[in-house]
Amino acid sequence: LITKVNREHYRKFLDMQIPALNGRTPRQAAGDPAMRPALIDLMKDHIHGLQDLNRSHGTDLSIDWVLEELGLRELL
């Protein structure tokens, strides 16, 4: 169940306007070289949060598919 909820959240997240990305969606920021550093920082925060969650709850959640979709191979 937690995996399903996580996947659904990130499916929506890809098209949400994010204040840290100046109101752009992650998909929009991925295509804008000027916004790419902010997107990378944001996704690093998400990765670290999931790693902490996985450690504390014994889960194995991953957003590798999100990183692939955004073209952020350097974070894989």
N, C-alpha and C. Protein backbone atom coordinates (compact mmCIF):
# COMPACT_ATOMS: atom_id res chain seq x y z
N LEU A 1 0.83 -1.20 0.00
CA LEU A 1 0.00 0.00 0.00
C LEU A 1 0.87 1.26 0.00
N ILE A 2 1.91 1.26 0.84
CA ILE A 2 2.76 2.45 0.92
C ILE A 2 3.48 2.71 -0.41
N THR A 3 3.83 1.65 -1.12
CA THR A 3 4.47 1.81 -2.43
C THR A 3 3.49 2.43 -3.42
N LYS A 4 2.25 1.98 -3.38
CA LYS A 4 1.23 2.51 -4.29
C LYS A 4 0.98 3.99 -4.01
N VAL A 5 0.88 4.35 -2.74
CA VAL A 5 0.64 5.75 -2.36
C VAL A 5 1.83 6.61 -2.78
N ASN A 6 3.03 6.12 -2.57
CA ASN A 6 4.24 6.85 -2.96
C ASN A 6 4.28 7.09 -4.47
N ARG A 7 3.99 6.05 -5.23
CA ARG A 7 4.01 6.18 -6.69
C ARG A 7 2.95 7.18 -7.17
N GLU A 8 1.78 7.12 -6.60
CA GLU A 8 0.71 8.06 -6.98
C GLU A 8 1.10 9.50 -6.64
N HIS A 9 1.69 9.68 -5.47
CA HIS A 9 2.14 11.01 -5.08
C HIS A 9 3.13 11.57 -6.10
N TYR A 10 4.12 10.79 -6.47
CA TYR A 10 5.14 11.29 -7.39
C TYR A 10 4.62 11.41 -8.82
N ARG A 11 3.63 10.62 -9.17
CA ARG A 11 3.02 10.78 -10.50
C ARG A 11 2.38 12.17 -10.58
N LYS A 12 1.70 12.58 -9.51
CA LYS A 12 1.10 13.92 -9.46
C LYS A 12 2.15 15.01 -9.31
N PHE A 13 3.17 14.73 -8.50
CA PHE A 13 4.25 15.68 -8.24
C PHE A 13 4.90 16.19 -9.52
N LEU A 14 5.05 15.32 -10.51
CA LEU A 14 5.70 15.70 -11.76
C LEU A 14 5.04 16.89 -12.43
N ASP A 15 3.75 17.07 -12.20
CA ASP A 15 3.00 18.15 -12.86
C ASP A 15 2.44 19.19 -11.88
N MET A 16 2.98 19.20 -10.65
CA MET A 16 2.57 20.20 -9.66
C MET A 16 3.45 21.43 -9.77
N GLN A 17 2.85 22.58 -9.61
CA GLN A 17 3.64 23.81 -9.54
C GLN A 17 4.31 23.86 -8.17
N ILE A 18 5.64 23.98 -8.18
CA ILE A 18 6.42 23.90 -6.96
C ILE A 18 7.04 25.27 -6.67
N PRO A 19 6.77 25.86 -5.51
CA PRO A 19 7.34 27.17 -5.19
C PRO A 19 8.87 27.21 -5.30
N ALA A 20 9.54 26.15 -4.88
CA ALA A 20 11.01 26.12 -4.94
C ALA A 20 11.53 26.14 -6.38
N LEU A 21 10.64 25.89 -7.33
CA LEU A 21 11.00 25.93 -8.76
C LEU A 21 10.37 27.15 -9.43
N ASN A 22 10.16 28.19 -8.64
CA ASN A 22 9.54 29.43 -9.13
C ASN A 22 8.18 29.18 -9.78
N GLY A 23 7.42 28.26 -9.18
CA GLY A 23 6.09 27.98 -9.67
C GLY A 23 6.03 27.06 -10.87
N ARG A 24 7.16 26.59 -11.31
CA ARG A 24 7.18 25.64 -12.44
C ARG A 24 6.95 24.23 -11.91
N THR A 25 6.55 23.35 -12.81
CA THR A 25 6.43 21.94 -12.46
C THR A 25 7.81 21.30 -12.60
N PRO A 26 8.03 20.16 -11.97
CA PRO A 26 9.30 19.48 -12.19
C PRO A 26 9.56 19.17 -13.67
N ARG A 27 8.53 18.81 -14.41
CA ARG A 27 8.72 18.56 -15.86
C ARG A 27 9.20 19.83 -16.58
N GLN A 28 8.59 20.96 -16.25
CA GLN A 28 8.99 22.22 -16.88
C GLN A 28 10.42 22.58 -16.47
N ALA A 29 10.74 22.44 -15.20
CA ALA A 29 12.08 22.78 -14.72
C ALA A 29 13.14 21.89 -15.36
N ALA A 30 12.80 20.64 -15.61
CA ALA A 30 13.76 19.72 -16.22
C ALA A 30 14.17 20.18 -17.62
N GLY A 31 13.26 20.87 -18.29
CA GLY A 31 13.55 21.33 -19.64
C GLY A 31 14.18 22.72 -19.70
N ASP A 32 14.40 23.33 -18.56
CA ASP A 32 14.94 24.69 -18.50
C ASP A 32 16.33 24.65 -17.86
N PRO A 33 17.38 24.86 -18.65
CA PRO A 33 18.74 24.79 -18.10
C PRO A 33 18.97 25.69 -16.89
N ALA A 34 18.29 26.82 -16.84
CA ALA A 34 18.46 27.74 -15.70
C ALA A 34 17.83 27.18 -14.42
N MET A 35 16.80 26.34 -14.56
CA MET A 35 16.10 25.79 -13.41
C MET A 35 16.64 24.42 -12.98
N ARG A 36 17.45 23.83 -13.82
CA ARG A 36 17.94 22.48 -13.53
C ARG A 36 18.65 22.37 -12.18
N PRO A 37 19.53 23.31 -11.79
CA PRO A 37 20.17 23.20 -10.48
C PRO A 37 19.17 23.19 -9.31
N ALA A 38 18.13 24.00 -9.39
CA ALA A 38 17.11 24.02 -8.34
C ALA A 38 16.35 22.69 -8.31
N LEU A 39 16.07 22.14 -9.48
CA LEU A 39 15.38 20.85 -9.56
C LEU A 39 16.25 19.75 -8.97
N ILE A 40 17.52 19.76 -9.28
CA ILE A 40 18.44 18.76 -8.73
C ILE A 40 18.48 18.85 -7.21
N ASP A 41 18.59 20.06 -6.68
CA ASP A 41 18.59 20.23 -5.22
C ASP A 41 17.30 19.72 -4.60
N LEU A 42 16.17 20.04 -5.22
CA LEU A 42 14.88 19.59 -4.72
C LEU A 42 14.80 18.06 -4.71
N MET A 43 15.23 17.45 -5.79
CA MET A 43 15.14 16.00 -5.87
C MET A 43 16.12 15.32 -4.92
N LYS A 44 17.26 15.94 -4.67
CA LYS A 44 18.18 15.39 -3.66
C LYS A 44 17.50 15.36 -2.29
N ASP A 45 16.76 16.42 -1.98
CA ASP A 45 16.02 16.45 -0.72
C ASP A 45 14.99 15.31 -0.65
N HIS A 46 14.31 15.07 -1.76
CA HIS A 46 13.32 13.99 -1.80
C HIS A 46 14.00 12.63 -1.65
N ILE A 47 15.14 12.45 -2.31
CA ILE A 47 15.88 11.19 -2.20
C ILE A 47 16.30 10.94 -0.76
N HIS A 48 16.85 11.96 -0.12
CA HIS A 48 17.29 11.81 1.27
C HIS A 48 16.11 11.51 2.19
N GLY A 49 14.99 12.17 1.96
CA GLY A 49 13.80 11.91 2.76
C GLY A 49 13.33 10.46 2.63
N LEU A 50 13.35 9.95 1.40
CA LEU A 50 12.94 8.56 1.19
C LEU A 50 13.93 7.59 1.81
N GLN A 51 15.21 7.91 1.73
CA GLN A 51 16.21 7.05 2.35
C GLN A 51 15.99 6.98 3.85
N ASP A 52 15.70 8.12 4.48
CA ASP A 52 15.42 8.14 5.91
C ASP A 52 14.17 7.31 6.23
N LEU A 53 13.14 7.49 5.43
CA LEU A 53 11.90 6.73 5.61
C LEU A 53 12.15 5.23 5.47
N ASN A 54 12.91 4.86 4.45
CA ASN A 54 13.23 3.44 4.24
C ASN A 54 13.98 2.86 5.43
N ARG A 55 14.94 3.61 5.95
CA ARG A 55 15.71 3.13 7.11
C ARG A 55 14.83 2.98 8.35
N SER A 56 13.99 3.96 8.59
CA SER A 56 13.21 3.95 9.82
C SER A 56 12.01 2.99 9.77
N HIS A 57 11.48 2.73 8.58
CA HIS A 57 10.29 1.88 8.47
C HIS A 57 10.55 0.55 7.77
N GLY A 58 11.77 0.33 7.34
CA GLY A 58 12.09 -0.94 6.68
C GLY A 58 11.44 -1.07 5.31
N THR A 59 11.16 0.06 4.68
CA THR A 59 10.56 0.03 3.34
C THR A 59 11.66 0.08 2.29
N ASP A 60 11.26 -0.03 1.05
CA ASP A 60 12.21 0.02 -0.06
C ASP A 60 11.66 0.93 -1.16
N LEU A 61 11.25 2.14 -0.76
CA LEU A 61 10.68 3.08 -1.72
C LEU A 61 11.78 3.71 -2.56
N SER A 62 11.46 3.96 -3.81
CA SER A 62 12.43 4.54 -4.73
C SER A 62 11.72 5.50 -5.68
N ILE A 63 12.45 6.56 -6.05
CA ILE A 63 11.92 7.47 -7.07
C ILE A 63 12.83 7.48 -8.29
N ASP A 64 13.53 6.38 -8.50
CA ASP A 64 14.40 6.29 -9.67
C ASP A 64 13.62 6.53 -10.96
N TRP A 65 12.38 6.04 -11.02
CA TRP A 65 11.58 6.24 -12.22
C TRP A 65 11.27 7.72 -12.46
N VAL A 66 11.13 8.49 -11.38
CA VAL A 66 10.89 9.94 -11.48
C VAL A 66 12.15 10.62 -12.03
N LEU A 67 13.29 10.23 -11.49
CA LEU A 67 14.57 10.80 -11.95
C LEU A 67 14.80 10.49 -13.42
N GLU A 68 14.47 9.27 -13.83
CA GLU A 68 14.58 8.90 -15.25
C GLU A 68 13.66 9.77 -16.10
N GLU A 69 12.44 9.91 -15.66
CA GLU A 69 11.45 10.68 -16.43
C GLU A 69 11.87 12.14 -16.56
N LEU A 70 12.53 12.67 -15.54
CA LEU A 70 12.99 14.06 -15.57
C LEU A 70 14.36 14.23 -16.24
N GLY A 71 14.96 13.12 -16.61
CA GLY A 71 16.29 13.18 -17.25
C GLY A 71 17.41 13.52 -16.28
N LEU A 72 17.22 13.17 -15.00
CA LEU A 72 18.22 13.46 -13.98
C LEU A 72 19.06 12.21 -13.70
N ARG A 73 19.70 11.71 -14.72
CA ARG A 73 20.48 10.47 -14.61
C ARG A 73 21.63 10.62 -13.62
N GLU A 74 22.10 11.85 -13.42
CA GLU A 74 23.23 12.05 -12.49
C GLU A 74 22.85 11.76 -11.04
N LEU A 75 21.56 11.65 -10.77
CA LEU A 75 21.12 11.34 -9.40
C LEU A 75 20.82 9.86 -9.20
N LEU A 76 20.93 9.09 -10.25
CA LEU A 76 20.66 7.65 -10.11
C LEU A 76 21.85 6.92 -9.54
